[in-house]
Amino acid sequence: PASFKDSNGDGWGDLPGLISEMDYLHDLGVDVVWVSP
C-alpha cells in the first residue's frame, strides 16, 4: 500500500488510493486483493 497509489499527495500510498483503482484490478482479472500490513 505505501507504493500503490497516493490519494492526497503526501508521498505515501493509502487506502483511498487503492480504492480508486478497483476497476483497474477488476479489469485485469483479479479475484482477491491482498493488502500488505
PDB file of all heavy atoms in Angstrom:
ATOM      1  N   PRO A   1       0.789  -1.242   0.000  1.00  0.00           N
ATOM      2  CA  PRO A   1       0.000   0.000   0.000  1.00  0.00           C
ATOM      3  C   PRO A   1       0.814   1.282   0.000  1.00  0.00           C
ATOM      4  O   PRO A   1       0.381   2.281  -0.583  1.00  0.00           O
ATOM      5  CB  PRO A   1      -0.861  -0.124   1.263  1.00  0.00           C
ATOM      6  CG  PRO A   1      -0.190  -1.171   2.092  1.00  0.00           C
ATOM      7  CD  PRO A   1       0.469  -2.094   1.152  1.00  0.00           C
ATOM      8  N   ALA A   2       1.986   1.294   0.621  1.00  0.00           N
ATOM      9  CA  ALA A   2       2.787   2.526   0.632  1.00  0.00           C
ATOM     10  C   ALA A   2       3.190   2.942  -0.772  1.00  0.00           C
ATOM     11  O   ALA A   2       3.437   4.133  -1.027  1.00  0.00           O
ATOM     12  CB  ALA A   2       4.037   2.327   1.491  1.00  0.00           C
ATOM     13  N   SER A   3       3.228   1.975  -1.690  1.00  0.00           N
ATOM     14  CA  SER A   3       3.745   2.241  -3.034  1.00  0.00           C
ATOM     15  C   SER A   3       2.718   2.083  -4.143  1.00  0.00           C
ATOM     16  O   SER A   3       3.075   2.157  -5.313  1.00  0.00           O
ATOM     17  CB  SER A   3       4.926   1.293  -3.316  1.00  0.00           C
ATOM     18  OG  SER A   3       5.950   1.469  -2.377  1.00  0.00           O
ATOM     19  N   PHE A   4       1.452   1.888  -3.805  1.00  0.00           N
ATOM     20  CA  PHE A   4       0.465   1.614  -4.851  1.00  0.00           C
ATOM     21  C   PHE A   4      -0.137   2.894  -5.427  1.00  0.00           C
ATOM     22  O   PHE A   4      -0.002   3.173  -6.612  1.00  0.00           O
ATOM     23  CB  PHE A   4      -0.620   0.693  -4.321  1.00  0.00           C
ATOM     24  CG  PHE A   4      -1.533   0.158  -5.400  1.00  0.00           C
ATOM     25  CD1 PHE A   4      -1.040  -0.687  -6.382  1.00  0.00           C
ATOM     26  CD2 PHE A   4      -2.877   0.499  -5.431  1.00  0.00           C
ATOM     27  CE1 PHE A   4      -1.864  -1.190  -7.386  1.00  0.00           C
ATOM     28  CE2 PHE A   4      -3.713   0.009  -6.424  1.00  0.00           C
ATOM     29  CZ  PHE A   4      -3.207  -0.836  -7.404  1.00  0.00           C
ATOM     30  N   LYS A   5      -0.820   3.680  -4.596  1.00  0.00           N
ATOM     31  CA  LYS A   5      -1.445   4.910  -5.101  1.00  0.00           C
ATOM     32  C   LYS A   5      -1.666   5.878  -3.945  1.00  0.00           C
ATOM     33  O   LYS A   5      -2.282   5.524  -2.936  1.00  0.00           O
ATOM     34  CB  LYS A   5      -2.783   4.586  -5.783  1.00  0.00           C
ATOM     35  CG  LYS A   5      -3.452   5.756  -6.505  1.00  0.00           C
ATOM     36  CD  LYS A   5      -2.653   6.192  -7.718  1.00  0.00           C
ATOM     37  CE  LYS A   5      -3.320   7.312  -8.509  1.00  0.00           C
ATOM     38  NZ  LYS A   5      -4.497   6.859  -9.273  1.00  0.00           N
ATOM     39  N   ASP A   6      -1.153   7.084  -4.109  1.00  0.00           N
ATOM     40  CA  ASP A   6      -1.259   8.128  -3.093  1.00  0.00           C
ATOM     41  C   ASP A   6      -2.397   9.060  -3.469  1.00  0.00           C
ATOM     42  O   ASP A   6      -2.333   9.741  -4.496  1.00  0.00           O
ATOM     43  CB  ASP A   6       0.078   8.868  -3.012  1.00  0.00           C
ATOM     44  CG  ASP A   6       0.021  10.109  -2.135  1.00  0.00           C
ATOM     45  OD1 ASP A   6      -0.909  10.221  -1.328  1.00  0.00           O
ATOM     46  OD2 ASP A   6       0.931  10.955  -2.266  1.00  0.00           O
ATOM     47  N   SER A   7      -3.414   9.134  -2.634  1.00  0.00           N
ATOM     48  CA  SER A   7      -4.598   9.930  -2.977  1.00  0.00           C
ATOM     49  C   SER A   7      -4.505  11.383  -2.519  1.00  0.00           C
ATOM     50  O   SER A   7      -5.287  12.226  -2.975  1.00  0.00           O
ATOM     51  CB  SER A   7      -5.849   9.302  -2.354  1.00  0.00           C
ATOM     52  OG  SER A   7      -5.846   9.462  -0.934  1.00  0.00           O
ATOM     53  N   ASN A   8      -3.586  11.686  -1.598  1.00  0.00           N
ATOM     54  CA  ASN A   8      -3.582  13.035  -1.022  1.00  0.00           C
ATOM     55  C   ASN A   8      -2.268  13.780  -1.188  1.00  0.00           C
ATOM     56  O   ASN A   8      -2.080  14.848  -0.601  1.00  0.00           O
ATOM     57  CB  ASN A   8      -3.964  12.978   0.463  1.00  0.00           C
ATOM     58  CG  ASN A   8      -3.012  12.103   1.272  1.00  0.00           C
ATOM     59  OD1 ASN A   8      -1.971  11.679   0.788  1.00  0.00           O
ATOM     60  ND2 ASN A   8      -3.405  11.819   2.515  1.00  0.00           N
ATOM     61  N   GLY A   9      -1.346  13.249  -1.962  1.00  0.00           N
ATOM     62  CA  GLY A   9      -0.133  13.969  -2.283  1.00  0.00           C
ATOM     63  C   GLY A   9       0.894  14.062  -1.179  1.00  0.00           C
ATOM     64  O   GLY A   9       1.783  14.918  -1.235  1.00  0.00           O
ATOM     65  N   ASP A  10       0.815  13.177  -0.165  1.00  0.00           N
ATOM     66  CA  ASP A  10       1.810  13.233   0.904  1.00  0.00           C
ATOM     67  C   ASP A  10       3.005  12.320   0.638  1.00  0.00           C
ATOM     68  O   ASP A  10       3.911  12.218   1.467  1.00  0.00           O
ATOM     69  CB  ASP A  10       1.178  12.906   2.257  1.00  0.00           C
ATOM     70  CG  ASP A  10       0.679  11.462   2.365  1.00  0.00           C
ATOM     71  OD1 ASP A  10       0.753  10.717   1.357  1.00  0.00           O
ATOM     72  OD2 ASP A  10       0.214  11.087   3.453  1.00  0.00           O
ATOM     73  N   GLY A  11       3.010  11.647  -0.528  1.00  0.00           N
ATOM     74  CA  GLY A  11       4.135  10.790  -0.881  1.00  0.00           C
ATOM     75  C   GLY A  11       4.022   9.365  -0.398  1.00  0.00           C
ATOM     76  O   GLY A  11       4.931   8.556  -0.632  1.00  0.00           O
ATOM     77  N   TRP A  12       2.926   9.055   0.270  1.00  0.00           N
ATOM     78  CA  TRP A  12       2.734   7.730   0.869  1.00  0.00           C
ATOM     79  C   TRP A  12       1.429   7.150   0.329  1.00  0.00           C
ATOM     80  O   TRP A  12       0.380   7.778   0.443  1.00  0.00           O
ATOM     81  CB  TRP A  12       2.671   7.881   2.392  1.00  0.00           C
ATOM     82  CG  TRP A  12       2.737   6.612   3.180  1.00  0.00           C
ATOM     83  CD1 TRP A  12       1.680   5.899   3.672  1.00  0.00           C
ATOM     84  CD2 TRP A  12       3.911   5.916   3.617  1.00  0.00           C
ATOM     85  NE1 TRP A  12       2.127   4.801   4.364  1.00  0.00           N
ATOM     86  CE2 TRP A  12       3.496   4.791   4.356  1.00  0.00           C
ATOM     87  CE3 TRP A  12       5.278   6.140   3.448  1.00  0.00           C
ATOM     88  CZ2 TRP A  12       4.402   3.889   4.927  1.00  0.00           C
ATOM     89  CZ3 TRP A  12       6.173   5.241   4.022  1.00  0.00           C
ATOM     90  CH2 TRP A  12       5.732   4.134   4.745  1.00  0.00           C
ATOM     91  N   GLY A  13       1.488   5.979  -0.267  1.00  0.00           N
ATOM     92  CA  GLY A  13       0.267   5.353  -0.761  1.00  0.00           C
ATOM     93  C   GLY A  13      -0.727   5.124   0.356  1.00  0.00           C
ATOM     94  O   GLY A  13      -0.362   5.027   1.534  1.00  0.00           O
ATOM     95  N   ASP A  14      -2.004   5.021  -0.002  1.00  0.00           N
ATOM     96  CA  ASP A  14      -3.023   4.924   1.038  1.00  0.00           C
ATOM     97  C   ASP A  14      -4.225   4.119   0.561  1.00  0.00           C
ATOM     98  O   ASP A  14      -4.332   3.746  -0.615  1.00  0.00           O
ATOM     99  CB  ASP A  14      -3.445   6.320   1.494  1.00  0.00           C
ATOM    100  CG  ASP A  14      -3.763   7.255   0.337  1.00  0.00           C
ATOM    101  OD1 ASP A  14      -4.462   6.823  -0.609  1.00  0.00           O
ATOM    102  OD2 ASP A  14      -3.315   8.423   0.366  1.00  0.00           O
ATOM    103  N   LEU A  15      -5.122   3.853   1.491  1.00  0.00           N
ATOM    104  CA  LEU A  15      -6.309   3.050   1.185  1.00  0.00           C
ATOM    105  C   LEU A  15      -7.245   3.751   0.204  1.00  0.00           C
ATOM    106  O   LEU A  15      -7.741   3.103  -0.727  1.00  0.00           O
ATOM    107  CB  LEU A  15      -7.035   2.678   2.478  1.00  0.00           C
ATOM    108  CG  LEU A  15      -6.314   1.619   3.329  1.00  0.00           C
ATOM    109  CD1 LEU A  15      -6.918   1.545   4.727  1.00  0.00           C
ATOM    110  CD2 LEU A  15      -6.364   0.252   2.654  1.00  0.00           C
ATOM    111  N   PRO A  16      -7.518   5.043   0.347  1.00  0.00           N
ATOM    112  CA  PRO A  16      -8.338   5.695  -0.682  1.00  0.00           C
ATOM    113  C   PRO A  16      -7.725   5.572  -2.069  1.00  0.00           C
ATOM    114  O   PRO A  16      -8.439   5.424  -3.074  1.00  0.00           O
ATOM    115  CB  PRO A  16      -8.411   7.149  -0.203  1.00  0.00           C
ATOM    116  CG  PRO A  16      -8.297   7.050   1.283  1.00  0.00           C
ATOM    117  CD  PRO A  16      -7.300   5.949   1.505  1.00  0.00           C
ATOM    118  N   GLY A  17      -6.394   5.642  -2.158  1.00  0.00           N
ATOM    119  CA  GLY A  17      -5.749   5.460  -3.456  1.00  0.00           C
ATOM    120  C   GLY A  17      -5.985   4.069  -4.007  1.00  0.00           C
ATOM    121  O   GLY A  17      -6.280   3.901  -5.204  1.00  0.00           O
ATOM    122  N   LEU A  18      -5.863   3.063  -3.163  1.00  0.00           N
ATOM    123  CA  LEU A  18      -6.150   1.689  -3.585  1.00  0.00           C
ATOM    124  C   LEU A  18      -7.599   1.552  -4.025  1.00  0.00           C
ATOM    125  O   LEU A  18      -7.893   0.970  -5.080  1.00  0.00           O
ATOM    126  CB  LEU A  18      -5.846   0.729  -2.429  1.00  0.00           C
ATOM    127  CG  LEU A  18      -6.322  -0.718  -2.575  1.00  0.00           C
ATOM    128  CD1 LEU A  18      -5.768  -1.368  -3.827  1.00  0.00           C
ATOM    129  CD2 LEU A  18      -5.946  -1.519  -1.332  1.00  0.00           C
ATOM    130  N   ILE A  19      -8.511   2.103  -3.261  1.00  0.00           N
ATOM    131  CA  ILE A  19      -9.937   2.003  -3.587  1.00  0.00           C
ATOM    132  C   ILE A  19     -10.223   2.644  -4.945  1.00  0.00           C
ATOM    133  O   ILE A  19     -11.044   2.148  -5.719  1.00  0.00           O
ATOM    134  CB  ILE A  19     -10.775   2.664  -2.468  1.00  0.00           C
ATOM    135  CG1 ILE A  19     -10.664   1.832  -1.178  1.00  0.00           C
ATOM    136  CG2 ILE A  19     -12.233   2.811  -2.886  1.00  0.00           C
ATOM    137  CD1 ILE A  19     -11.131   2.559   0.068  1.00  0.00           C
ATOM    138  N   SER A  20      -9.508   3.709  -5.250  1.00  0.00           N
ATOM    139  CA  SER A  20      -9.747   4.412  -6.516  1.00  0.00           C
ATOM    140  C   SER A  20      -9.355   3.582  -7.731  1.00  0.00           C
ATOM    141  O   SER A  20      -9.765   3.902  -8.858  1.00  0.00           O
ATOM    142  CB  SER A  20      -8.977   5.742  -6.538  1.00  0.00           C
ATOM    143  OG  SER A  20      -7.573   5.533  -6.697  1.00  0.00           O
ATOM    144  N   GLU A  21      -8.566   2.526  -7.536  1.00  0.00           N
ATOM    145  CA  GLU A  21      -8.106   1.708  -8.657  1.00  0.00           C
ATOM    146  C   GLU A  21      -8.741   0.320  -8.669  1.00  0.00           C
ATOM    147  O   GLU A  21      -8.218  -0.608  -9.295  1.00  0.00           O
ATOM    148  CB  GLU A  21      -6.579   1.590  -8.621  1.00  0.00           C
ATOM    149  CG  GLU A  21      -5.851   2.906  -8.801  1.00  0.00           C
ATOM    150  CD  GLU A  21      -6.082   3.535 -10.168  1.00  0.00           C
ATOM    151  OE1 GLU A  21      -6.562   2.828 -11.088  1.00  0.00           O
ATOM    152  OE2 GLU A  21      -5.794   4.739 -10.329  1.00  0.00           O
ATOM    153  N   MET A  22      -9.883   0.178  -8.022  1.00  0.00           N
ATOM    154  CA  MET A  22     -10.565  -1.111  -8.016  1.00  0.00           C
ATOM    155  C   MET A  22     -10.964  -1.560  -9.423  1.00  0.00           C
ATOM    156  O   MET A  22     -10.889  -2.750  -9.758  1.00  0.00           O
ATOM    157  CB  MET A  22     -11.811  -1.060  -7.126  1.00  0.00           C
ATOM    158  CG  MET A  22     -11.531  -1.180  -5.638  1.00  0.00           C
ATOM    159  SD  MET A  22     -10.788  -2.764  -5.191  1.00  0.00           S
ATOM    160  CE  MET A  22      -9.079  -2.244  -4.993  1.00  0.00           C
ATOM    161  N   ASP A  23     -11.384  -0.632 -10.250  1.00  0.00           N
ATOM    162  CA  ASP A  23     -11.776  -1.001 -11.609  1.00  0.00           C
ATOM    163  C   ASP A  23     -10.569  -1.492 -12.414  1.00  0.00           C
ATOM    164  O   ASP A  23     -10.695  -2.402 -13.244  1.00  0.00           O
ATOM    165  CB  ASP A  23     -12.447   0.176 -12.318  1.00  0.00           C
ATOM    166  CG  ASP A  23     -13.852   0.436 -11.797  1.00  0.00           C
ATOM    167  OD1 ASP A  23     -14.448  -0.489 -11.206  1.00  0.00           O
ATOM    168  OD2 ASP A  23     -14.343   1.565 -11.974  1.00  0.00           O
ATOM    169  N   TYR A  24      -9.420  -0.893 -12.168  1.00  0.00           N
ATOM    170  CA  TYR A  24      -8.200  -1.352 -12.837  1.00  0.00           C
ATOM    171  C   TYR A  24      -7.920  -2.816 -12.486  1.00  0.00           C
ATOM    172  O   TYR A  24      -7.627  -3.640 -13.358  1.00  0.00           O
ATOM    173  CB  TYR A  24      -7.024  -0.466 -12.430  1.00  0.00           C
ATOM    174  CG  TYR A  24      -5.672  -1.005 -12.850  1.00  0.00           C
ATOM    175  CD1 TYR A  24      -5.183  -0.791 -14.134  1.00  0.00           C
ATOM    176  CD2 TYR A  24      -4.881  -1.739 -11.957  1.00  0.00           C
ATOM    177  CE1 TYR A  24      -3.939  -1.295 -14.528  1.00  0.00           C
ATOM    178  CE2 TYR A  24      -3.640  -2.240 -12.343  1.00  0.00           C
ATOM    179  CZ  TYR A  24      -3.180  -2.015 -13.628  1.00  0.00           C
ATOM    180  OH  TYR A  24      -1.961  -2.522 -14.009  1.00  0.00           O
ATOM    181  N   LEU A  25      -8.008  -3.146 -11.200  1.00  0.00           N
ATOM    182  CA  LEU A  25      -7.732  -4.516 -10.765  1.00  0.00           C
ATOM    183  C   LEU A  25      -8.794  -5.482 -11.272  1.00  0.00           C
ATOM    184  O   LEU A  25      -8.488  -6.607 -11.688  1.00  0.00           O
ATOM    185  CB  LEU A  25      -7.638  -4.572  -9.241  1.00  0.00           C
ATOM    186  CG  LEU A  25      -6.491  -3.768  -8.613  1.00  0.00           C
ATOM    187  CD1 LEU A  25      -6.505  -3.890  -7.103  1.00  0.00           C
ATOM    188  CD2 LEU A  25      -5.156  -4.221  -9.171  1.00  0.00           C
ATOM    189  N   HIS A  26     -10.035  -5.045 -11.271  1.00  0.00           N
ATOM    190  CA  HIS A  26     -11.110  -5.900 -11.763  1.00  0.00           C
ATOM    191  C   HIS A  26     -10.941  -6.170 -13.252  1.00  0.00           C
ATOM    192  O   HIS A  26     -11.122  -7.305 -13.727  1.00  0.00           O
ATOM    193  CB  HIS A  26     -12.461  -5.242 -11.478  1.00  0.00           C
ATOM    194  CG  HIS A  26     -13.636  -6.096 -11.832  1.00  0.00           C
ATOM    195  ND1 HIS A  26     -14.328  -5.967 -13.027  1.00  0.00           N
ATOM    196  CD2 HIS A  26     -14.228  -7.111 -11.170  1.00  0.00           C
ATOM    197  CE1 HIS A  26     -15.306  -6.852 -13.070  1.00  0.00           C
ATOM    198  NE2 HIS A  26     -15.269  -7.570 -11.957  1.00  0.00           N
ATOM    199  N   ASP A  27     -10.580  -5.141 -13.999  1.00  0.00           N
ATOM    200  CA  ASP A  27     -10.387  -5.295 -15.439  1.00  0.00           C
ATOM    201  C   ASP A  27      -9.195  -6.196 -15.749  1.00  0.00           C
ATOM    202  O   ASP A  27      -9.197  -6.924 -16.747  1.00  0.00           O
ATOM    203  CB  ASP A  27     -10.177  -3.915 -16.071  1.00  0.00           C
ATOM    204  CG  ASP A  27     -10.077  -3.983 -17.591  1.00  0.00           C
ATOM    205  OD1 ASP A  27     -11.002  -4.527 -18.221  1.00  0.00           O
ATOM    206  OD2 ASP A  27      -9.073  -3.492 -18.144  1.00  0.00           O
ATOM    207  N   LEU A  28      -8.190  -6.170 -14.894  1.00  0.00           N
ATOM    208  CA  LEU A  28      -7.034  -7.047 -15.071  1.00  0.00           C
ATOM    209  C   LEU A  28      -7.419  -8.507 -14.955  1.00  0.00           C
ATOM    210  O   LEU A  28      -6.846  -9.367 -15.630  1.00  0.00           O
ATOM    211  CB  LEU A  28      -5.962  -6.689 -14.031  1.00  0.00           C
ATOM    212  CG  LEU A  28      -4.722  -7.581 -13.956  1.00  0.00           C
ATOM    213  CD1 LEU A  28      -3.959  -7.587 -15.277  1.00  0.00           C
ATOM    214  CD2 LEU A  28      -3.812  -7.140 -12.808  1.00  0.00           C
ATOM    215  N   GLY A  29      -8.403  -8.797 -14.119  1.00  0.00           N
ATOM    216  CA  GLY A  29      -8.816 -10.184 -13.908  1.00  0.00           C
ATOM    217  C   GLY A  29      -8.532 -10.678 -12.504  1.00  0.00           C
ATOM    218  O   GLY A  29      -8.467 -11.882 -12.256  1.00  0.00           O
ATOM    219  N   VAL A  30      -8.383  -9.741 -11.573  1.00  0.00           N
ATOM    220  CA  VAL A  30      -8.074 -10.070 -10.184  1.00  0.00           C
ATOM    221  C   VAL A  30      -9.339 -10.515  -9.458  1.00  0.00           C
ATOM    222  O   VAL A  30     -10.403  -9.907  -9.601  1.00  0.00           O
ATOM    223  CB  VAL A  30      -7.454  -8.847  -9.482  1.00  0.00           C
ATOM    224  CG1 VAL A  30      -7.349  -9.062  -7.982  1.00  0.00           C
ATOM    225  CG2 VAL A  30      -6.095  -8.540 -10.093  1.00  0.00           C
ATOM    226  N   ASP A  31      -9.213 -11.562  -8.655  1.00  0.00           N
ATOM    227  CA  ASP A  31     -10.324 -12.051  -7.842  1.00  0.00           C
ATOM    228  C   ASP A  31     -10.189 -11.665  -6.372  1.00  0.00           C
ATOM    229  O   ASP A  31     -11.187 -11.511  -5.677  1.00  0.00           O
ATOM    230  CB  ASP A  31     -10.405 -13.582  -7.929  1.00  0.00           C
ATOM    231  CG  ASP A  31     -10.616 -14.068  -9.346  1.00  0.00           C
ATOM    232  OD1 ASP A  31     -11.602 -13.646  -9.967  1.00  0.00           O
ATOM    233  OD2 ASP A  31      -9.798 -14.865  -9.845  1.00  0.00           O
ATOM    234  N   VAL A  32      -8.945 -11.562  -5.906  1.00  0.00           N
ATOM    235  CA  VAL A  32      -8.700 -11.276  -4.490  1.00  0.00           C
ATOM    236  C   VAL A  32      -7.587 -10.243  -4.374  1.00  0.00           C
ATOM    237  O   VAL A  32      -6.537 -10.384  -4.995  1.00  0.00           O
ATOM    238  CB  VAL A  32      -8.282 -12.548  -3.715  1.00  0.00           C
ATOM    239  CG1 VAL A  32      -8.151 -12.241  -2.222  1.00  0.00           C
ATOM    240  CG2 VAL A  32      -9.261 -13.684  -3.942  1.00  0.00           C
ATOM    241  N   VAL A  33      -7.826  -9.225  -3.559  1.00  0.00           N
ATOM    242  CA  VAL A  33      -6.810  -8.213  -3.267  1.00  0.00           C
ATOM    243  C   VAL A  33      -6.198  -8.532  -1.906  1.00  0.00           C
ATOM    244  O   VAL A  33      -6.901  -8.605  -0.900  1.00  0.00           O
ATOM    245  CB  VAL A  33      -7.418  -6.798  -3.255  1.00  0.00           C
ATOM    246  CG1 VAL A  33      -6.356  -5.761  -2.896  1.00  0.00           C
ATOM    247  CG2 VAL A  33      -8.048  -6.476  -4.604  1.00  0.00           C
ATOM    248  N   TRP A  34      -4.895  -8.757  -1.903  1.00  0.00           N
ATOM    249  CA  TRP A  34      -4.155  -8.986  -0.649  1.00  0.00           C
ATOM    250  C   TRP A  34      -3.425  -7.697  -0.317  1.00  0.00           C
ATOM    251  O   TRP A  34      -2.593  -7.230  -1.085  1.00  0.00           O
ATOM    252  CB  TRP A  34      -3.218 -10.170  -0.829  1.00  0.00           C
ATOM    253  CG  TRP A  34      -1.987 -10.198   0.043  1.00  0.00           C
ATOM    254  CD1 TRP A  34      -1.788  -9.581   1.247  1.00  0.00           C
ATOM    255  CD2 TRP A  34      -0.762 -10.886  -0.246  1.00  0.00           C
ATOM    256  NE1 TRP A  34      -0.526  -9.841   1.719  1.00  0.00           N
ATOM    257  CE2 TRP A  34       0.125 -10.642   0.835  1.00  0.00           C
ATOM    258  CE3 TRP A  34      -0.335 -11.694  -1.298  1.00  0.00           C
ATOM    259  CZ2 TRP A  34       1.412 -11.173   0.878  1.00  0.00           C
ATOM    260  CZ3 TRP A  34       0.944 -12.215  -1.253  1.00  0.00           C
ATOM    261  CH2 TRP A  34       1.798 -11.962  -0.171  1.00  0.00           C
ATOM    262  N   VAL A  35      -3.740  -7.132   0.839  1.00  0.00           N
ATOM    263  CA  VAL A  35      -3.152  -5.865   1.264  1.00  0.00           C
ATOM    264  C   VAL A  35      -2.068  -6.132   2.299  1.00  0.00           C
ATOM    265  O   VAL A  35      -2.330  -6.675   3.371  1.00  0.00           O
ATOM    266  CB  VAL A  35      -4.222  -4.928   1.857  1.00  0.00           C
ATOM    267  CG1 VAL A  35      -3.615  -3.556   2.146  1.00  0.00           C
ATOM    268  CG2 VAL A  35      -5.416  -4.795   0.916  1.00  0.00           C
ATOM    269  N   SER A  36      -0.840  -5.755   1.978  1.00  0.00           N
ATOM    270  CA  SER A  36       0.260  -5.880   2.927  1.00  0.00           C
ATOM    271  C   SER A  36      -0.006  -4.991   4.143  1.00  0.00           C
ATOM    272  O   SER A  36      -0.890  -4.138   4.112  1.00  0.00           O
ATOM    273  CB  SER A  36       1.579  -5.525   2.240  1.00  0.00           C
ATOM    274  OG  SER A  36       1.937  -6.515   1.293  1.00  0.00           O
ATOM    275  N   PRO A  37       0.738  -5.168   5.240  1.00  0.00           N
ATOM    276  CA  PRO A  37       0.348  -4.572   6.523  1.00  0.00           C
ATOM    277  C   PRO A  37       0.001  -3.085   6.479  1.00  0.00           C
ATOM    278  O   PRO A  37       0.769  -2.272   5.959  1.00  0.00           O
ATOM    279  CB  PRO A  37       1.569  -4.826   7.407  1.00  0.00           C
ATOM    280  CG  PRO A  37       2.152  -6.076   6.865  1.00  0.00           C
ATOM    281  CD  PRO A  37       1.967  -5.965   5.376  1.00  0.00           C
TER     282      PRO A  37
END
